[in-house]
């Protein structure tokens, strides 16, 4: 289960809209290991990005860059990752 805290700053570009944002994902993580215990942990990060809503319609393009952390384990086992994140994509609102 994750929560995404997101601050947005919309800019009007005629019929389109550019939205600049900062996002902070927070959540829980479970690592499933075959024939072993499952490990619980958490994840978090910070991402900055921009979304271009085309013509005020249902299609938008986005790009974001930031840092993500994932950590799982118990008293005996620990796994932590720090990742640079680059996400590019499109959204269709319906």
N, C-alpha and C. Protein backbone atom coordinates (compact mmCIF):
# COMPACT_ATOMS: atom_id res chain seq x y z
N UNK A 1 0.85 -1.17 0.00
CA UNK A 1 0.00 0.00 0.00
C UNK A 1 0.89 1.23 0.00
N UNK A 2 0.64 2.15 -0.92
CA UNK A 2 1.43 3.37 -1.04
C UNK A 2 0.56 4.60 -0.96
N UNK A 3 1.17 5.68 -0.55
CA UNK A 3 0.55 7.00 -0.55
C UNK A 3 1.43 7.89 -1.41
N UNK A 4 0.82 8.74 -2.23
CA UNK A 4 1.58 9.68 -3.05
C UNK A 4 1.17 11.09 -2.66
N UNK A 5 2.10 11.81 -2.04
CA UNK A 5 1.87 13.21 -1.69
C UNK A 5 2.44 14.03 -2.85
N UNK A 6 1.60 14.92 -3.42
CA UNK A 6 2.01 15.59 -4.65
C UNK A 6 1.61 17.06 -4.60
N UNK A 7 2.61 17.94 -4.74
CA UNK A 7 2.35 19.37 -4.86
C UNK A 7 2.42 19.76 -6.33
N UNK A 8 1.41 20.51 -6.81
CA UNK A 8 1.32 20.82 -8.25
C UNK A 8 1.24 22.33 -8.46
N UNK A 9 1.82 22.78 -9.59
CA UNK A 9 1.74 24.17 -9.99
C UNK A 9 1.35 24.22 -11.46
N UNK A 10 0.07 24.43 -11.78
CA UNK A 10 -0.39 24.43 -13.17
C UNK A 10 -0.11 25.78 -13.86
N UNK A 11 0.30 25.70 -15.13
CA UNK A 11 0.54 26.87 -15.96
C UNK A 11 -0.28 26.74 -17.23
N UNK A 12 -1.00 27.78 -17.60
CA UNK A 12 -1.82 27.75 -18.80
C UNK A 12 -0.97 28.05 -20.02
N UNK A 13 -1.11 27.23 -21.06
CA UNK A 13 -0.40 27.42 -22.33
C UNK A 13 -1.42 27.45 -23.47
N UNK A 14 -2.29 28.44 -23.47
CA UNK A 14 -3.36 28.49 -24.47
C UNK A 14 -4.37 27.41 -24.18
N UNK A 15 -4.57 26.52 -25.16
CA UNK A 15 -5.55 25.44 -24.96
C UNK A 15 -4.96 24.26 -24.17
N UNK A 16 -3.65 24.26 -23.96
CA UNK A 16 -3.00 23.19 -23.20
C UNK A 16 -2.62 23.70 -21.81
N UNK A 17 -2.15 22.78 -20.98
CA UNK A 17 -1.74 23.14 -19.63
C UNK A 17 -0.46 22.39 -19.29
N UNK A 18 0.50 23.09 -18.70
CA UNK A 18 1.73 22.48 -18.22
C UNK A 18 1.65 22.46 -16.70
N UNK A 19 1.82 21.30 -16.10
CA UNK A 19 1.75 21.14 -14.65
C UNK A 19 3.13 20.72 -14.15
N UNK A 20 3.75 21.57 -13.35
CA UNK A 20 5.01 21.23 -12.69
C UNK A 20 4.68 20.67 -11.31
N UNK A 21 5.41 19.65 -10.87
CA UNK A 21 5.06 19.03 -9.59
C UNK A 21 6.26 18.42 -8.89
N UNK A 22 6.07 18.24 -7.60
CA UNK A 22 6.99 17.47 -6.76
C UNK A 22 6.15 16.39 -6.09
N UNK A 23 6.60 15.14 -6.18
CA UNK A 23 5.86 14.01 -5.62
C UNK A 23 6.72 13.28 -4.59
N UNK A 24 6.08 12.87 -3.50
CA UNK A 24 6.75 12.11 -2.44
C UNK A 24 5.97 10.81 -2.22
N UNK A 25 6.43 9.69 -2.82
CA UNK A 25 5.77 8.41 -2.58
C UNK A 25 6.25 7.78 -1.27
N UNK A 26 5.32 7.27 -0.49
CA UNK A 26 5.61 6.59 0.78
C UNK A 26 4.79 5.31 0.81
N UNK A 27 5.37 4.21 1.28
CA UNK A 27 4.58 3.00 1.33
C UNK A 27 5.27 1.82 1.96
N UNK A 28 4.54 0.72 1.97
CA UNK A 28 5.04 -0.52 2.53
C UNK A 28 5.56 -1.44 1.44
N UNK A 29 6.48 -2.31 1.82
CA UNK A 29 7.10 -3.24 0.89
C UNK A 29 7.10 -4.63 1.52
N UNK A 30 6.82 -5.64 0.73
CA UNK A 30 6.94 -7.03 1.18
C UNK A 30 7.79 -7.78 0.16
N UNK A 31 8.83 -8.46 0.63
CA UNK A 31 9.68 -9.29 -0.22
C UNK A 31 9.27 -10.74 0.02
N UNK A 32 8.76 -11.40 -1.03
CA UNK A 32 8.37 -12.80 -0.96
C UNK A 32 9.54 -13.66 -1.42
N UNK A 33 10.00 -14.55 -0.53
CA UNK A 33 11.12 -15.43 -0.83
C UNK A 33 10.62 -16.86 -0.79
N UNK A 34 10.84 -17.61 -1.88
CA UNK A 34 10.39 -18.99 -1.96
C UNK A 34 11.11 -19.84 -0.91
N UNK A 35 10.34 -20.66 -0.19
CA UNK A 35 10.87 -21.55 0.85
C UNK A 35 11.59 -20.81 1.97
N UNK A 36 11.16 -19.58 2.26
CA UNK A 36 11.76 -18.81 3.35
C UNK A 36 10.72 -17.83 3.90
N UNK A 37 11.13 -17.09 4.89
CA UNK A 37 10.24 -16.09 5.47
C UNK A 37 10.04 -14.93 4.49
N UNK A 38 8.93 -14.26 4.63
CA UNK A 38 8.70 -13.03 3.89
C UNK A 38 9.19 -11.86 4.73
N UNK A 39 9.75 -10.86 4.07
CA UNK A 39 10.32 -9.73 4.79
C UNK A 39 9.51 -8.47 4.49
N UNK A 40 9.28 -7.68 5.52
CA UNK A 40 8.52 -6.44 5.36
C UNK A 40 9.45 -5.24 5.51
N UNK A 41 9.04 -4.14 4.89
CA UNK A 41 9.84 -2.92 4.98
C UNK A 41 9.05 -1.74 4.46
N UNK A 42 9.76 -0.75 3.98
CA UNK A 42 9.09 0.45 3.48
C UNK A 42 9.84 1.01 2.27
N UNK A 43 9.16 1.90 1.56
CA UNK A 43 9.78 2.59 0.44
C UNK A 43 9.39 4.06 0.49
N UNK A 44 10.25 4.90 -0.07
CA UNK A 44 9.97 6.32 -0.13
C UNK A 44 10.81 6.93 -1.24
N UNK A 45 10.55 8.18 -1.53
CA UNK A 45 11.32 8.86 -2.55
C UNK A 45 10.90 10.30 -2.70
N UNK A 46 11.55 10.97 -3.64
CA UNK A 46 11.16 12.32 -4.03
C UNK A 46 11.40 12.45 -5.53
N UNK A 47 10.38 12.93 -6.23
CA UNK A 47 10.43 13.04 -7.69
C UNK A 47 9.94 14.43 -8.10
N UNK A 48 10.61 15.01 -9.07
CA UNK A 48 10.15 16.27 -9.66
C UNK A 48 9.79 16.01 -11.10
N UNK A 49 8.74 16.66 -11.58
CA UNK A 49 8.34 16.38 -12.95
C UNK A 49 7.47 17.44 -13.57
N UNK A 50 7.11 17.17 -14.80
CA UNK A 50 6.22 18.04 -15.57
C UNK A 50 5.26 17.17 -16.36
N UNK A 51 4.02 17.66 -16.45
CA UNK A 51 2.98 16.97 -17.22
C UNK A 51 2.36 17.98 -18.17
N UNK A 52 2.28 17.63 -19.44
CA UNK A 52 1.67 18.49 -20.45
C UNK A 52 0.31 17.90 -20.82
N UNK A 53 -0.75 18.61 -20.45
CA UNK A 53 -2.12 18.19 -20.77
C UNK A 53 -2.44 18.80 -22.13
N UNK A 54 -2.64 17.97 -23.14
CA UNK A 54 -2.78 18.43 -24.52
C UNK A 54 -4.20 18.90 -24.81
N UNK A 55 -4.35 20.16 -25.13
CA UNK A 55 -5.63 20.71 -25.57
C UNK A 55 -6.74 20.62 -24.55
N UNK A 56 -6.42 20.49 -23.29
CA UNK A 56 -7.46 20.35 -22.26
C UNK A 56 -8.23 19.05 -22.35
N UNK A 57 -7.76 18.13 -23.17
CA UNK A 57 -8.46 16.88 -23.39
C UNK A 57 -7.98 15.76 -22.50
N UNK A 58 -8.27 14.54 -22.89
CA UNK A 58 -7.98 13.40 -22.01
C UNK A 58 -6.54 12.89 -22.08
N UNK A 59 -5.69 13.44 -22.97
CA UNK A 59 -4.34 12.91 -23.15
C UNK A 59 -3.31 13.86 -22.56
N UNK A 60 -2.34 13.29 -21.82
CA UNK A 60 -1.23 14.09 -21.30
C UNK A 60 0.05 13.29 -21.40
N UNK A 61 1.16 14.00 -21.50
CA UNK A 61 2.50 13.42 -21.53
C UNK A 61 3.23 13.87 -20.28
N UNK A 62 4.06 13.01 -19.71
CA UNK A 62 4.77 13.40 -18.50
C UNK A 62 6.21 12.89 -18.50
N UNK A 63 7.04 13.59 -17.73
CA UNK A 63 8.43 13.19 -17.48
C UNK A 63 8.74 13.55 -16.05
N UNK A 64 9.40 12.63 -15.34
CA UNK A 64 9.79 12.91 -13.96
C UNK A 64 11.12 12.26 -13.65
N UNK A 65 11.85 12.86 -12.73
CA UNK A 65 13.17 12.37 -12.34
C UNK A 65 13.30 12.52 -10.83
N UNK A 66 13.96 11.57 -10.19
CA UNK A 66 14.15 11.68 -8.75
C UNK A 66 14.89 10.50 -8.15
N UNK A 67 14.65 10.30 -6.87
CA UNK A 67 15.33 9.27 -6.06
C UNK A 67 14.28 8.40 -5.37
N UNK A 68 14.55 7.09 -5.34
CA UNK A 68 13.67 6.14 -4.65
C UNK A 68 14.51 5.28 -3.71
N UNK A 69 13.93 4.94 -2.56
CA UNK A 69 14.56 4.06 -1.58
C UNK A 69 13.60 2.92 -1.27
N UNK A 70 14.14 1.70 -1.21
CA UNK A 70 13.37 0.52 -0.81
C UNK A 70 14.20 -0.21 0.25
N UNK A 71 13.57 -0.60 1.34
CA UNK A 71 14.26 -1.34 2.38
C UNK A 71 13.36 -2.41 2.96
N UNK A 72 13.89 -3.63 3.09
CA UNK A 72 13.17 -4.75 3.70
C UNK A 72 14.13 -5.51 4.60
N UNK A 73 13.57 -6.29 5.52
CA UNK A 73 14.42 -7.14 6.34
C UNK A 73 13.84 -7.39 7.72
N UNK A 74 14.67 -8.02 8.55
CA UNK A 74 14.36 -8.25 9.95
C UNK A 74 15.67 -8.14 10.72
N UNK A 75 15.76 -8.78 11.89
CA UNK A 75 16.97 -8.68 12.70
C UNK A 75 18.19 -9.33 12.04
N UNK A 76 17.96 -10.36 11.21
CA UNK A 76 19.07 -11.11 10.62
C UNK A 76 19.38 -10.74 9.18
N UNK A 77 18.38 -10.28 8.45
CA UNK A 77 18.55 -10.03 7.01
C UNK A 77 18.10 -8.61 6.70
N UNK A 78 18.88 -7.92 5.85
CA UNK A 78 18.52 -6.56 5.47
C UNK A 78 18.88 -6.33 4.01
N UNK A 79 17.96 -5.75 3.27
CA UNK A 79 18.21 -5.40 1.87
C UNK A 79 17.73 -3.97 1.66
N UNK A 80 18.63 -3.12 1.18
CA UNK A 80 18.29 -1.72 0.91
C UNK A 80 18.77 -1.34 -0.48
N UNK A 81 17.95 -0.58 -1.18
CA UNK A 81 18.35 -0.08 -2.49
C UNK A 81 18.05 1.41 -2.58
N UNK A 82 18.96 2.13 -3.20
CA UNK A 82 18.77 3.54 -3.54
C UNK A 82 18.80 3.59 -5.06
N UNK A 83 17.81 4.20 -5.67
CA UNK A 83 17.70 4.19 -7.12
C UNK A 83 17.45 5.60 -7.65
N UNK A 84 18.11 5.91 -8.77
CA UNK A 84 17.72 7.09 -9.54
C UNK A 84 16.53 6.66 -10.39
N UNK A 85 15.51 7.48 -10.44
CA UNK A 85 14.30 7.13 -11.18
C UNK A 85 14.07 8.13 -12.30
N UNK A 86 13.81 7.62 -13.50
CA UNK A 86 13.43 8.44 -14.64
C UNK A 86 12.20 7.79 -15.24
N UNK A 87 11.07 8.49 -15.21
CA UNK A 87 9.83 7.98 -15.73
C UNK A 87 9.32 8.88 -16.85
N UNK A 88 9.02 8.28 -17.98
CA UNK A 88 8.46 8.97 -19.14
C UNK A 88 7.18 8.24 -19.53
N UNK A 89 6.15 8.98 -19.89
CA UNK A 89 4.93 8.27 -20.28
C UNK A 89 3.81 9.17 -20.71
N UNK A 90 2.68 8.54 -20.89
CA UNK A 90 1.45 9.23 -21.28
C UNK A 90 0.33 8.75 -20.38
N UNK A 91 -0.64 9.65 -20.16
CA UNK A 91 -1.82 9.33 -19.36
C UNK A 91 -3.06 9.62 -20.18
N UNK A 92 -4.03 8.77 -20.03
CA UNK A 92 -5.32 8.96 -20.68
C UNK A 92 -6.38 9.04 -19.59
N UNK A 93 -7.03 10.18 -19.48
CA UNK A 93 -8.03 10.40 -18.43
C UNK A 93 -9.40 9.98 -18.95
N UNK A 94 -10.09 9.12 -18.23
CA UNK A 94 -11.43 8.71 -18.64
C UNK A 94 -12.39 8.77 -17.50
